[in-house]
Protein backbone atom coordinates (compact mmCIF):
# COMPACT_ATOMS: atom_id res chain seq x y z
CA UNK A 1 0.00 0.00 0.00
CA UNK A 2 1.22 3.44 -0.75
CA UNK A 3 0.23 6.97 -1.60
CA UNK A 4 2.28 9.10 -4.00
CA UNK A 5 1.58 12.84 -4.34
CA UNK A 6 2.60 15.00 -7.30
CA UNK A 7 1.87 18.68 -6.83
CA UNK A 8 1.15 20.64 -9.99
CA UNK A 9 2.97 23.95 -10.38
CA UNK A 10 0.70 26.99 -10.39
CA UNK A 11 -2.43 24.85 -9.99
CA UNK A 12 -4.55 24.25 -6.91
CA UNK A 13 -4.54 20.48 -7.43
CA UNK A 14 -2.34 17.51 -6.61
CA UNK A 15 -2.28 14.21 -8.50
CA UNK A 16 -2.48 11.48 -5.89
CA UNK A 17 -1.75 7.88 -6.85
CA UNK A 18 -3.18 5.25 -4.50
CA UNK A 19 -1.69 1.75 -4.65
CA UNK A 20 -2.77 -1.49 -3.02
CA UNK A 21 -0.10 -4.21 -3.07
CA UNK A 22 -0.71 -7.70 -4.41
CA UNK A 23 -0.34 -9.10 -0.88
CA UNK A 24 -2.87 -6.62 0.55
CA UNK A 25 -5.30 -7.32 -2.30
CA UNK A 26 -5.17 -11.01 -1.29
CA UNK A 27 -6.53 -12.50 -4.53
CA UNK A 28 -9.20 -9.84 -5.02
CA UNK A 29 -10.41 -9.56 -8.59
CA UNK A 30 -11.99 -6.14 -8.17
CA UNK A 31 -10.80 -3.14 -6.11
CA UNK A 32 -12.39 0.31 -5.85
CA UNK A 33 -11.07 3.48 -4.25
CA UNK A 34 -13.91 4.86 -2.14
CA UNK A 35 -13.92 8.07 -0.13
CA UNK A 36 -15.35 11.47 0.54
CA UNK A 37 -13.84 12.72 -2.77
CA UNK A 38 -16.45 10.61 -4.60
CA UNK A 39 -19.31 10.70 -2.08
CA UNK A 40 -18.37 7.19 -0.87
CA UNK A 41 -19.65 5.81 -4.19
CA UNK A 42 -18.58 2.15 -4.23
CA UNK A 43 -18.32 2.09 -8.04
CA UNK A 44 -16.95 5.56 -8.90
CA UNK A 45 -13.20 4.85 -8.91
CA UNK A 46 -12.22 1.33 -9.98
CA UNK A 47 -8.53 0.62 -9.53
CA UNK A 48 -6.48 -0.88 -12.35
CA UNK A 49 -4.63 -4.15 -11.86
CA UNK A 50 -0.92 -3.66 -12.53
CA UNK A 51 1.44 -6.22 -14.09
CA UNK A 52 2.85 -7.09 -10.67
CA UNK A 53 -0.63 -7.92 -9.28
CA UNK A 54 -1.09 -4.70 -7.33
CA UNK A 55 -3.92 -2.22 -7.96
CA UNK A 56 -3.57 1.53 -8.58
CA UNK A 57 -5.68 4.61 -9.25
CA UNK A 58 -4.80 8.30 -9.62
CA UNK A 59 -7.02 11.25 -8.74
CA UNK A 60 -6.61 14.99 -9.03
CA UNK A 61 -7.46 16.39 -5.60
CA UNK A 62 -7.74 19.98 -4.43
CA UNK A 63 -4.84 21.17 -2.29
CA UNK A 64 -5.25 22.20 1.33
CA UNK A 65 -7.76 19.49 2.22
CA UNK A 66 -7.88 16.15 4.04
CA UNK A 67 -9.66 13.28 2.29
CA UNK A 68 -10.96 10.16 4.03
CA UNK A 69 -10.91 6.94 2.01
CA UNK A 70 -10.77 3.14 2.05
CA UNK A 71 -10.26 0.37 -0.48
CA UNK A 72 -13.24 -1.90 -1.28
CA UNK A 73 -12.21 -5.38 -2.42
CA UNK A 74 -14.66 -7.55 -4.38
CA UNK A 75 -17.57 -5.31 -3.28
CA UNK A 76 -17.48 -6.69 0.27
CA UNK A 77 -14.17 -6.31 2.12
CA UNK A 78 -12.83 -2.94 3.29
CA UNK A 79 -9.11 -2.25 3.70
CA UNK A 80 -7.21 0.80 4.93
CA UNK A 81 -3.97 2.12 3.52
CA UNK A 82 -1.40 1.68 6.28
CA UNK A 83 0.80 4.34 4.66
CA UNK A 84 -1.95 6.96 5.02
CA UNK A 85 -1.12 10.34 6.53
CA UNK A 86 -3.50 9.68 9.44
CA UNK A 87 -6.64 7.78 10.45
CA UNK A 88 -10.03 8.87 11.73
CA UNK A 89 -12.72 6.73 13.39
CA UNK A 90 -15.74 5.94 11.24
CA UNK A 91 -19.36 5.26 12.18
CA UNK A 92 -18.88 1.49 11.79
CA UNK A 93 -16.43 1.09 14.67
CA UNK A 94 -13.31 1.09 12.48
CA UNK A 95 -11.04 3.70 11.03
CA UNK A 96 -10.82 5.49 7.69
CA UNK A 97 -7.49 6.26 6.05
CA UNK A 98 -6.79 9.96 5.47
CA UNK A 99 -4.62 11.58 2.82
CA UNK A 100 -3.60 15.18 3.45
CA UNK A 101 -3.16 17.19 0.27
PDB file of N, CA and C in Angstrom:
ATOM      1  N   UNK A   1       0.843  -1.165   0.000  1.00  0.00           N
ATOM      2  CA  UNK A   1       0.000   0.000   0.000  1.00  0.00           C
ATOM      3  C   UNK A   1       0.889   1.229   0.000  1.00  0.00           C
ATOM      4  N   UNK A   2       0.456   2.197  -0.739  1.00  0.00           N
ATOM      5  CA  UNK A   2       1.221   3.440  -0.751  1.00  0.00           C
ATOM      6  C   UNK A   2       0.397   4.569  -1.352  1.00  0.00           C
ATOM      7  N   UNK A   3       0.847   5.765  -1.056  1.00  0.00           N
ATOM      8  CA  UNK A   3       0.232   6.969  -1.598  1.00  0.00           C
ATOM      9  C   UNK A   3       1.361   7.842  -2.124  1.00  0.00           C
ATOM     10  N   UNK A   4       1.267   8.222  -3.397  1.00  0.00           N
ATOM     11  CA  UNK A   4       2.277   9.100  -3.995  1.00  0.00           C
ATOM     12  C   UNK A   4       1.582  10.395  -4.421  1.00  0.00           C
ATOM     13  N   UNK A   5       2.161  11.536  -4.040  1.00  0.00           N
ATOM     14  CA  UNK A   5       1.577  12.843  -4.345  1.00  0.00           C
ATOM     15  C   UNK A   5       2.477  13.586  -5.316  1.00  0.00           C
ATOM     16  N   UNK A   6       1.867  14.158  -6.347  1.00  0.00           N
ATOM     17  CA  UNK A   6       2.599  14.995  -7.303  1.00  0.00           C
ATOM     18  C   UNK A   6       1.863  16.329  -7.410  1.00  0.00           C
ATOM     19  N   UNK A   7       2.477  17.355  -6.825  1.00  0.00           N
ATOM     20  CA  UNK A   7       1.868  18.684  -6.833  1.00  0.00           C
ATOM     21  C   UNK A   7       2.108  19.357  -8.176  1.00  0.00           C
ATOM     22  N   UNK A   8       1.075  19.983  -8.702  1.00  0.00           N
ATOM     23  CA  UNK A   8       1.151  20.642  -9.993  1.00  0.00           C
ATOM     24  C   UNK A   8       1.517  22.104  -9.796  1.00  0.00           C
ATOM     25  N   UNK A   9       2.534  22.557 -10.499  1.00  0.00           N
ATOM     26  CA  UNK A   9       2.968  23.947 -10.382  1.00  0.00           C
ATOM     27  C   UNK A   9       1.857  24.893 -10.829  1.00  0.00           C
ATOM     28  N   UNK A  10       1.663  25.936 -10.059  1.00  0.00           N
ATOM     29  CA  UNK A  10       0.704  26.990 -10.386  1.00  0.00           C
ATOM     30  C   UNK A  10      -0.736  26.507 -10.523  1.00  0.00           C
ATOM     31  N   UNK A  11      -1.052  25.347  -9.946  1.00  0.00           N
ATOM     32  CA  UNK A  11      -2.426  24.847  -9.990  1.00  0.00           C
ATOM     33  C   UNK A  11      -2.829  24.421  -8.584  1.00  0.00           C
ATOM     34  N   UNK A  12      -4.104  24.564  -8.264  1.00  0.00           N
ATOM     35  CA  UNK A  12      -4.551  24.250  -6.907  1.00  0.00           C
ATOM     36  C   UNK A  12      -4.853  22.754  -6.696  1.00  0.00           C
ATOM     37  N   UNK A  13      -4.267  21.907  -7.519  1.00  0.00           N
ATOM     38  CA  UNK A  13      -4.545  20.476  -7.427  1.00  0.00           C
ATOM     39  C   UNK A  13      -3.271  19.673  -7.272  1.00  0.00           C
ATOM     40  N   UNK A  14      -3.439  18.455  -6.769  1.00  0.00           N
ATOM     41  CA  UNK A  14      -2.342  17.506  -6.609  1.00  0.00           C
ATOM     42  C   UNK A  14      -2.806  16.186  -7.206  1.00  0.00           C
ATOM     43  N   UNK A  15      -1.963  15.549  -8.003  1.00  0.00           N
ATOM     44  CA  UNK A  15      -2.281  14.213  -8.504  1.00  0.00           C
ATOM     45  C   UNK A  15      -1.822  13.212  -7.453  1.00  0.00           C
ATOM     46  N   UNK A  16      -2.772  12.459  -6.932  1.00  0.00           N
ATOM     47  CA  UNK A  16      -2.482  11.483  -5.887  1.00  0.00           C
ATOM     48  C   UNK A  16      -2.697  10.091  -6.473  1.00  0.00           C
ATOM     49  N   UNK A  17      -1.661   9.253  -6.379  1.00  0.00           N
ATOM     50  CA  UNK A  17      -1.753   7.878  -6.850  1.00  0.00           C
ATOM     51  C   UNK A  17      -1.847   6.963  -5.636  1.00  0.00           C
ATOM     52  N   UNK A  18      -2.922   6.208  -5.575  1.00  0.00           N
ATOM     53  CA  UNK A  18      -3.176   5.254  -4.503  1.00  0.00           C
ATOM     54  C   UNK A  18      -2.824   3.864  -5.027  1.00  0.00           C
ATOM     55  N   UNK A  19      -2.085   3.098  -4.237  1.00  0.00           N
ATOM     56  CA  UNK A  19      -1.690   1.752  -4.650  1.00  0.00           C
ATOM     57  C   UNK A  19      -1.987   0.757  -3.544  1.00  0.00           C
ATOM     58  N   UNK A  20      -2.509  -0.386  -3.940  1.00  0.00           N
ATOM     59  CA  UNK A  20      -2.769  -1.490  -3.021  1.00  0.00           C
ATOM     60  C   UNK A  20      -1.932  -2.665  -3.504  1.00  0.00           C
ATOM     61  N   UNK A  21      -1.033  -3.147  -2.664  1.00  0.00           N
ATOM     62  CA  UNK A  21      -0.101  -4.210  -3.067  1.00  0.00           C
ATOM     63  C   UNK A  21      -0.827  -5.516  -3.365  1.00  0.00           C
ATOM     64  N   UNK A  22      -0.159  -6.386  -4.083  1.00  0.00           N
ATOM     65  CA  UNK A  22      -0.711  -7.698  -4.409  1.00  0.00           C
ATOM     66  C   UNK A  22      -1.030  -8.463  -3.129  1.00  0.00           C
ATOM     67  N   UNK A  23      -0.125  -8.396  -2.147  1.00  0.00           N
ATOM     68  CA  UNK A  23      -0.343  -9.100  -0.882  1.00  0.00           C
ATOM     69  C   UNK A  23      -1.570  -8.552  -0.151  1.00  0.00           C
ATOM     70  N   UNK A  24      -1.726  -7.233  -0.133  1.00  0.00           N
ATOM     71  CA  UNK A  24      -2.866  -6.620   0.550  1.00  0.00           C
ATOM     72  C   UNK A  24      -4.175  -6.899  -0.192  1.00  0.00           C
ATOM     73  N   UNK A  25      -4.100  -7.020  -1.514  1.00  0.00           N
ATOM     74  CA  UNK A  25      -5.298  -7.316  -2.301  1.00  0.00           C
ATOM     75  C   UNK A  25      -5.776  -8.743  -2.065  1.00  0.00           C
ATOM     76  N   UNK A  26      -4.847  -9.627  -1.682  1.00  0.00           N
ATOM     77  CA  UNK A  26      -5.174 -11.006  -1.294  1.00  0.00           C
ATOM     78  C   UNK A  26      -6.151 -11.697  -2.255  1.00  0.00           C
ATOM     79  N   UNK A  27      -5.764 -11.792  -3.498  1.00  0.00           N
ATOM     80  CA  UNK A  27      -6.528 -12.501  -4.530  1.00  0.00           C
ATOM     81  C   UNK A  27      -7.829 -11.821  -4.935  1.00  0.00           C
ATOM     82  N   UNK A  28      -8.000 -10.571  -4.586  1.00  0.00           N
ATOM     83  CA  UNK A  28      -9.198  -9.840  -5.016  1.00  0.00           C
ATOM     84  C   UNK A  28      -9.169  -9.681  -6.530  1.00  0.00           C
ATOM     85  N   UNK A  29     -10.333  -9.750  -7.143  1.00  0.00           N
ATOM     86  CA  UNK A  29     -10.406  -9.561  -8.589  1.00  0.00           C
ATOM     87  C   UNK A  29     -10.873  -8.148  -8.932  1.00  0.00           C
ATOM     88  N   UNK A  30     -11.389  -7.445  -7.932  1.00  0.00           N
ATOM     89  CA  UNK A  30     -11.993  -6.143  -8.166  1.00  0.00           C
ATOM     90  C   UNK A  30     -11.695  -5.247  -6.959  1.00  0.00           C
ATOM     91  N   UNK A  31     -11.096  -4.073  -7.200  1.00  0.00           N
ATOM     92  CA  UNK A  31     -10.799  -3.137  -6.109  1.00  0.00           C
ATOM     93  C   UNK A  31     -11.252  -1.738  -6.523  1.00  0.00           C
ATOM     94  N   UNK A  32     -11.936  -1.062  -5.616  1.00  0.00           N
ATOM     95  CA  UNK A  32     -12.386   0.312  -5.848  1.00  0.00           C
ATOM     96  C   UNK A  32     -11.824   1.228  -4.763  1.00  0.00           C
ATOM     97  N   UNK A  33     -11.506   2.437  -5.157  1.00  0.00           N
ATOM     98  CA  UNK A  33     -11.067   3.484  -4.253  1.00  0.00           C
ATOM     99  C   UNK A  33     -12.311   4.284  -3.870  1.00  0.00           C
ATOM    100  N   UNK A  34     -12.661   4.263  -2.587  1.00  0.00           N
ATOM    101  CA  UNK A  34     -13.913   4.862  -2.136  1.00  0.00           C
ATOM    102  C   UNK A  34     -13.607   5.873  -1.033  1.00  0.00           C
ATOM    103  N   UNK A  35     -14.178   7.068  -1.156  1.00  0.00           N
ATOM    104  CA  UNK A  35     -13.919   8.066  -0.128  1.00  0.00           C
ATOM    105  C   UNK A  35     -14.806   9.282  -0.251  1.00  0.00           C
ATOM    106  N   UNK A  36     -14.511  10.277   0.584  1.00  0.00           N
ATOM    107  CA  UNK A  36     -15.354  11.472   0.544  1.00  0.00           C
ATOM    108  C   UNK A  36     -15.149  12.277  -0.735  1.00  0.00           C
ATOM    109  N   UNK A  37     -14.067  12.036  -1.479  1.00  0.00           N
ATOM    110  CA  UNK A  37     -13.840  12.718  -2.765  1.00  0.00           C
ATOM    111  C   UNK A  37     -14.792  12.225  -3.842  1.00  0.00           C
ATOM    112  N   UNK A  38     -15.468  11.088  -3.620  1.00  0.00           N
ATOM    113  CA  UNK A  38     -16.449  10.606  -4.597  1.00  0.00           C
ATOM    114  C   UNK A  38     -17.790  10.290  -3.927  1.00  0.00           C
ATOM    115  N   UNK A  39     -18.037  10.905  -2.772  1.00  0.00           N
ATOM    116  CA  UNK A  39     -19.309  10.701  -2.082  1.00  0.00           C
ATOM    117  C   UNK A  39     -19.484   9.286  -1.564  1.00  0.00           C
ATOM    118  N   UNK A  40     -18.375   8.583  -1.330  1.00  0.00           N
ATOM    119  CA  UNK A  40     -18.373   7.186  -0.872  1.00  0.00           C
ATOM    120  C   UNK A  40     -19.136   6.272  -1.850  1.00  0.00           C
ATOM    121  N   UNK A  41     -19.045   6.624  -3.122  1.00  0.00           N
ATOM    122  CA  UNK A  41     -19.653   5.814  -4.186  1.00  0.00           C
ATOM    123  C   UNK A  41     -18.781   4.580  -4.410  1.00  0.00           C
ATOM    124  N   UNK A  42     -19.336   3.403  -4.162  1.00  0.00           N
ATOM    125  CA  UNK A  42     -18.579   2.151  -4.225  1.00  0.00           C
ATOM    126  C   UNK A  42     -18.169   1.741  -5.637  1.00  0.00           C
ATOM    127  N   UNK A  43     -18.656   2.451  -6.659  1.00  0.00           N
ATOM    128  CA  UNK A  43     -18.320   2.089  -8.038  1.00  0.00           C
ATOM    129  C   UNK A  43     -17.615   3.207  -8.806  1.00  0.00           C
ATOM    130  N   UNK A  44     -17.438   4.373  -8.181  1.00  0.00           N
ATOM    131  CA  UNK A  44     -16.950   5.559  -8.901  1.00  0.00           C
ATOM    132  C   UNK A  44     -15.500   5.468  -9.359  1.00  0.00           C
ATOM    133  N   UNK A  45     -14.619   4.861  -8.572  1.00  0.00           N
ATOM    134  CA  UNK A  45     -13.200   4.848  -8.906  1.00  0.00           C
ATOM    135  C   UNK A  45     -12.615   3.436  -8.875  1.00  0.00           C
ATOM    136  N   UNK A  46     -12.851   2.658  -9.936  1.00  0.00           N
ATOM    137  CA  UNK A  46     -12.222   1.333  -9.980  1.00  0.00           C
ATOM    138  C   UNK A  46     -10.706   1.485 -10.108  1.00  0.00           C
ATOM    139  N   UNK A  47      -9.986   0.590  -9.458  1.00  0.00           N
ATOM    140  CA  UNK A  47      -8.528   0.621  -9.531  1.00  0.00           C
ATOM    141  C   UNK A  47      -8.080  -0.362 -10.604  1.00  0.00           C
ATOM    142  N   UNK A  48      -7.002  -0.031 -11.278  1.00  0.00           N
ATOM    143  CA  UNK A  48      -6.482  -0.882 -12.355  1.00  0.00           C
ATOM    144  C   UNK A  48      -5.475  -1.874 -11.806  1.00  0.00           C
ATOM    145  N   UNK A  49      -5.613  -3.123 -12.253  1.00  0.00           N
ATOM    146  CA  UNK A  49      -4.633  -4.146 -11.862  1.00  0.00           C
ATOM    147  C   UNK A  49      -3.345  -3.897 -12.642  1.00  0.00           C
ATOM    148  N   UNK A  50      -2.234  -3.880 -11.934  1.00  0.00           N
ATOM    149  CA  UNK A  50      -0.921  -3.663 -12.529  1.00  0.00           C
ATOM    150  C   UNK A  50      -0.284  -5.007 -12.887  1.00  0.00           C
ATOM    151  N   UNK A  51       0.772  -4.988 -13.674  1.00  0.00           N
ATOM    152  CA  UNK A  51       1.439  -6.222 -14.094  1.00  0.00           C
ATOM    153  C   UNK A  51       1.937  -7.046 -12.918  1.00  0.00           C
ATOM    154  N   UNK A  52       2.318  -6.374 -11.825  1.00  0.00           N
ATOM    155  CA  UNK A  52       2.848  -7.090 -10.667  1.00  0.00           C
ATOM    156  C   UNK A  52       1.752  -7.605  -9.727  1.00  0.00           C
ATOM    157  N   UNK A  53       0.479  -7.426 -10.089  1.00  0.00           N
ATOM    158  CA  UNK A  53      -0.627  -7.924  -9.283  1.00  0.00           C
ATOM    159  C   UNK A  53      -1.196  -6.909  -8.305  1.00  0.00           C
ATOM    160  N   UNK A  54      -0.566  -5.752  -8.194  1.00  0.00           N
ATOM    161  CA  UNK A  54      -1.094  -4.699  -7.328  1.00  0.00           C
ATOM    162  C   UNK A  54      -2.215  -3.956  -8.062  1.00  0.00           C
ATOM    163  N   UNK A  55      -2.875  -3.045  -7.368  1.00  0.00           N
ATOM    164  CA  UNK A  55      -3.924  -2.221  -7.960  1.00  0.00           C
ATOM    165  C   UNK A  55      -3.555  -0.755  -7.746  1.00  0.00           C
ATOM    166  N   UNK A  56      -3.900   0.106  -8.699  1.00  0.00           N
ATOM    167  CA  UNK A  56      -3.568   1.532  -8.578  1.00  0.00           C
ATOM    168  C   UNK A  56      -4.651   2.392  -9.222  1.00  0.00           C
ATOM    169  N   UNK A  57      -4.776   3.603  -8.685  1.00  0.00           N
ATOM    170  CA  UNK A  57      -5.679   4.613  -9.246  1.00  0.00           C
ATOM    171  C   UNK A  57      -5.115   5.988  -8.907  1.00  0.00           C
ATOM    172  N   UNK A  58      -5.263   6.924  -9.837  1.00  0.00           N
ATOM    173  CA  UNK A  58      -4.802   8.297  -9.619  1.00  0.00           C
ATOM    174  C   UNK A  58      -5.983   9.250  -9.685  1.00  0.00           C
ATOM    175  N   UNK A  59      -5.975  10.227  -8.780  1.00  0.00           N
ATOM    176  CA  UNK A  59      -7.017  11.248  -8.740  1.00  0.00           C
ATOM    177  C   UNK A  59      -6.373  12.616  -8.640  1.00  0.00           C
ATOM    178  N   UNK A  60      -7.034  13.611  -9.189  1.00  0.00           N
ATOM    179  CA  UNK A  60      -6.612  14.993  -9.034  1.00  0.00           C
ATOM    180  C   UNK A  60      -7.443  15.574  -7.897  1.00  0.00           C
ATOM    181  N   UNK A  61      -6.764  15.914  -6.792  1.00  0.00           N
ATOM    182  CA  UNK A  61      -7.462  16.394  -5.602  1.00  0.00           C
ATOM    183  C   UNK A  61      -7.048  17.822  -5.282  1.00  0.00           C
ATOM    184  N   UNK A  62      -7.999  18.587  -4.783  1.00  0.00           N
ATOM    185  CA  UNK A  62      -7.738  19.983  -4.434  1.00  0.00           C
ATOM    186  C   UNK A  62      -6.788  20.068  -3.241  1.00  0.00           C
ATOM    187  N   UNK A  63      -5.820  20.962  -3.357  1.00  0.00           N
ATOM    188  CA  UNK A  63      -4.841  21.171  -2.285  1.00  0.00           C
ATOM    189  C   UNK A  63      -5.488  21.760  -1.042  1.00  0.00           C
ATOM    190  N   UNK A  64      -4.811  21.582   0.088  1.00  0.00           N
ATOM    191  CA  UNK A  64      -5.254  22.201   1.330  1.00  0.00           C
ATOM    192  C   UNK A  64      -6.402  21.493   2.012  1.00  0.00           C
ATOM    193  N   UNK A  65      -6.643  20.234   1.642  1.00  0.00           N
ATOM    194  CA  UNK A  65      -7.757  19.486   2.221  1.00  0.00           C
ATOM    195  C   UNK A  65      -7.287  18.114   2.688  1.00  0.00           C
ATOM    196  N   UNK A  66      -8.067  17.539   3.612  1.00  0.00           N
ATOM    197  CA  UNK A  66      -7.883  16.153   4.042  1.00  0.00           C
ATOM    198  C   UNK A  66      -9.004  15.336   3.423  1.00  0.00           C
ATOM    199  N   UNK A  67      -8.668  14.153   2.927  1.00  0.00           N
ATOM    200  CA  UNK A  67      -9.658  13.281   2.293  1.00  0.00           C
ATOM    201  C   UNK A  67      -9.650  11.915   2.976  1.00  0.00           C
ATOM    202  N   UNK A  68     -10.828  11.488   3.451  1.00  0.00           N
ATOM    203  CA  UNK A  68     -10.958  10.160   4.033  1.00  0.00           C
ATOM    204  C   UNK A  68     -11.250   9.172   2.915  1.00  0.00           C
ATOM    205  N   UNK A  69     -10.697   7.953   3.048  1.00  0.00           N
ATOM    206  CA  UNK A  69     -10.907   6.942   2.015  1.00  0.00           C
ATOM    207  C   UNK A  69     -10.649   5.541   2.563  1.00  0.00           C
ATOM    208  N   UNK A  70     -11.077   4.551   1.794  1.00  0.00           N
ATOM    209  CA  UNK A  70     -10.773   3.137   2.046  1.00  0.00           C
ATOM    210  C   UNK A  70     -10.777   2.427   0.703  1.00  0.00           C
ATOM    211  N   UNK A  71     -10.227   1.222   0.697  1.00  0.00           N
ATOM    212  CA  UNK A  71     -10.264   0.366  -0.482  1.00  0.00           C
ATOM    213  C   UNK A  71     -11.377  -0.655  -0.274  1.00  0.00           C
ATOM    214  N   UNK A  72     -12.169  -0.899  -1.326  1.00  0.00           N
ATOM    215  CA  UNK A  72     -13.236  -1.899  -1.279  1.00  0.00           C
ATOM    216  C   UNK A  72     -12.861  -3.036  -2.224  1.00  0.00           C
ATOM    217  N   UNK A  73     -12.643  -4.215  -1.662  1.00  0.00           N
ATOM    218  CA  UNK A  73     -12.212  -5.384  -2.423  1.00  0.00           C
ATOM    219  C   UNK A  73     -13.399  -6.296  -2.694  1.00  0.00           C
ATOM    220  N   UNK A  74     -13.586  -6.646  -3.945  1.00  0.00           N
ATOM    221  CA  UNK A  74     -14.662  -7.550  -4.378  1.00  0.00           C
ATOM    222  C   UNK A  74     -16.029  -7.173  -3.810  1.00  0.00           C
ATOM    223  N   UNK A  75     -16.269  -5.872  -3.698  1.00  0.00           N
ATOM    224  CA  UNK A  75     -17.566  -5.311  -3.281  1.00  0.00           C
ATOM    225  C   UNK A  75     -17.990  -5.706  -1.870  1.00  0.00           C
ATOM    226  N   UNK A  76     -17.049  -6.272  -1.061  1.00  0.00           N
ATOM    227  CA  UNK A  76     -17.478  -6.694   0.268  1.00  0.00           C
ATOM    228  C   UNK A  76     -16.458  -6.494   1.378  1.00  0.00           C
ATOM    229  N   UNK A  77     -15.189  -6.406   1.074  1.00  0.00           N
ATOM    230  CA  UNK A  77     -14.170  -6.308   2.124  1.00  0.00           C
ATOM    231  C   UNK A  77     -13.479  -4.952   2.076  1.00  0.00           C
ATOM    232  N   UNK A  78     -13.441  -4.252   3.203  1.00  0.00           N
ATOM    233  CA  UNK A  78     -12.828  -2.942   3.293  1.00  0.00           C
ATOM    234  C   UNK A  78     -11.410  -3.063   3.826  1.00  0.00           C
ATOM    235  N   UNK A  79     -10.497  -2.296   3.239  1.00  0.00           N
ATOM    236  CA  UNK A  79      -9.111  -2.246   3.702  1.00  0.00           C
ATOM    237  C   UNK A  79      -8.675  -0.793   3.815  1.00  0.00           C
ATOM    238  N   UNK A  80      -7.823  -0.518   4.797  1.00  0.00           N
ATOM    239  CA  UNK A  80      -7.212   0.797   4.929  1.00  0.00           C
ATOM    240  C   UNK A  80      -5.861   0.795   4.234  1.00  0.00           C
ATOM    241  N   UNK A  81      -5.328   1.971   4.030  1.00  0.00           N
ATOM    242  CA  UNK A  81      -3.969   2.119   3.520  1.00  0.00           C
ATOM    243  C   UNK A  81      -3.086   2.435   4.722  1.00  0.00           C
ATOM    244  N   UNK A  82      -2.206   1.517   5.074  1.00  0.00           N
ATOM    245  CA  UNK A  82      -1.402   1.679   6.282  1.00  0.00           C
ATOM    246  C   UNK A  82      -0.248   2.651   6.084  1.00  0.00           C
ATOM    247  N   UNK A  83      -0.157   3.258   4.911  1.00  0.00           N
ATOM    248  CA  UNK A  83       0.795   4.335   4.664  1.00  0.00           C
ATOM    249  C   UNK A  83       0.083   5.685   4.605  1.00  0.00           C
ATOM    250  N   UNK A  84      -1.178   5.719   5.037  1.00  0.00           N
ATOM    251  CA  UNK A  84      -1.955   6.964   5.015  1.00  0.00           C
ATOM    252  C   UNK A  84      -1.320   8.001   5.944  1.00  0.00           C
ATOM    253  N   UNK A  85      -1.660   9.256   5.718  1.00  0.00           N
ATOM    254  CA  UNK A  85      -1.124  10.342   6.535  1.00  0.00           C
ATOM    255  C   UNK A  85      -1.662  10.302   7.962  1.00  0.00           C
ATOM    256  N   UNK A  86      -2.899   9.853   8.117  1.00  0.00           N
ATOM    257  CA  UNK A  86      -3.501   9.680   9.442  1.00  0.00           C
ATOM    258  C   UNK A  86      -4.762   8.839   9.294  1.00  0.00           C
ATOM    259  N   UNK A  87      -5.423   8.592  10.430  1.00  0.00           N
ATOM    260  CA  UNK A  87      -6.640   7.776  10.450  1.00  0.00           C
ATOM    261  C   UNK A  87      -7.673   8.452  11.331  1.00  0.00           C
ATOM    262  N   UNK A  88      -8.931   8.315  10.940  1.00  0.00           N
ATOM    263  CA  UNK A  88     -10.028   8.868  11.734  1.00  0.00           C
ATOM    264  C   UNK A  88     -11.074   7.775  11.946  1.00  0.00           C
ATOM    265  N   UNK A  89     -11.680   7.732  13.135  1.00  0.00           N
ATOM    266  CA  UNK A  89     -12.721   6.733  13.388  1.00  0.00           C
ATOM    267  C   UNK A  89     -13.915   6.946  12.461  1.00  0.00           C
ATOM    268  N   UNK A  90     -14.528   5.835  12.063  1.00  0.00           N
ATOM    269  CA  UNK A  90     -15.738   5.938  11.245  1.00  0.00           C
ATOM    270  C   UNK A  90     -16.941   5.448  12.046  1.00  0.00           C
ATOM    271  N   UNK A  91     -18.120   5.598  11.483  1.00  0.00           N
ATOM    272  CA  UNK A  91     -19.358   5.260  12.181  1.00  0.00           C
ATOM    273  C   UNK A  91     -19.599   3.767  12.316  1.00  0.00           C
ATOM    274  N   UNK A  92     -18.706   2.932  11.754  1.00  0.00           N
ATOM    275  CA  UNK A  92     -18.884   1.490  11.791  1.00  0.00           C
ATOM    276  C   UNK A  92     -17.957   0.826  12.803  1.00  0.00           C
ATOM    277  N   UNK A  93     -17.313   1.633  13.638  1.00  0.00           N
ATOM    278  CA  UNK A  93     -16.434   1.087  14.666  1.00  0.00           C
ATOM    279  C   UNK A  93     -15.015   0.828  14.216  1.00  0.00           C
ATOM    280  N   UNK A  94     -14.671   1.240  13.004  1.00  0.00           N
ATOM    281  CA  UNK A  94     -13.314   1.094  12.481  1.00  0.00           C
ATOM    282  C   UNK A  94     -12.701   2.452  12.232  1.00  0.00           C
ATOM    283  N   UNK A  95     -11.702   2.455  11.395  1.00  0.00           N
ATOM    284  CA  UNK A  95     -11.035   3.702  11.029  1.00  0.00           C
ATOM    285  C   UNK A  95     -11.041   3.891   9.518  1.00  0.00           C
ATOM    286  N   UNK A  96     -11.017   5.143   9.089  1.00  0.00           N
ATOM    287  CA  UNK A  96     -10.822   5.487   7.691  1.00  0.00           C
ATOM    288  C   UNK A  96      -9.400   5.988   7.532  1.00  0.00           C
ATOM    289  N   UNK A  97      -8.790   5.691   6.397  1.00  0.00           N
ATOM    290  CA  UNK A  97      -7.491   6.265   6.048  1.00  0.00           C
ATOM    291  C   UNK A  97      -7.727   7.712   5.645  1.00  0.00           C
ATOM    292  N   UNK A  98      -6.703   8.556   5.848  1.00  0.00           N
ATOM    293  CA  UNK A  98      -6.794   9.963   5.470  1.00  0.00           C
ATOM    294  C   UNK A  98      -5.547  10.343   4.702  1.00  0.00           C
ATOM    295  N   UNK A  99      -5.737  11.003   3.558  1.00  0.00           N
ATOM    296  CA  UNK A  99      -4.623  11.578   2.819  1.00  0.00           C
ATOM    297  C   UNK A  99      -4.743  13.102   2.935  1.00  0.00           C
ATOM    298  N   UNK A 100      -3.629  13.728   3.294  1.00  0.00           N
ATOM    299  CA  UNK A 100      -3.598  15.184   3.450  1.00  0.00           C
ATOM    300  C   UNK A 100      -2.939  15.764   2.217  1.00  0.00           C
ATOM    301  N   UNK A 101      -3.674  16.601   1.483  1.00  0.00           N
ATOM    302  CA  UNK A 101      -3.162  17.194   0.268  1.00  0.00           C
ATOM    303  C   UNK A 101      -2.963  18.669   0.497  1.00  0.00           C
TER     304      UNK A 101
END
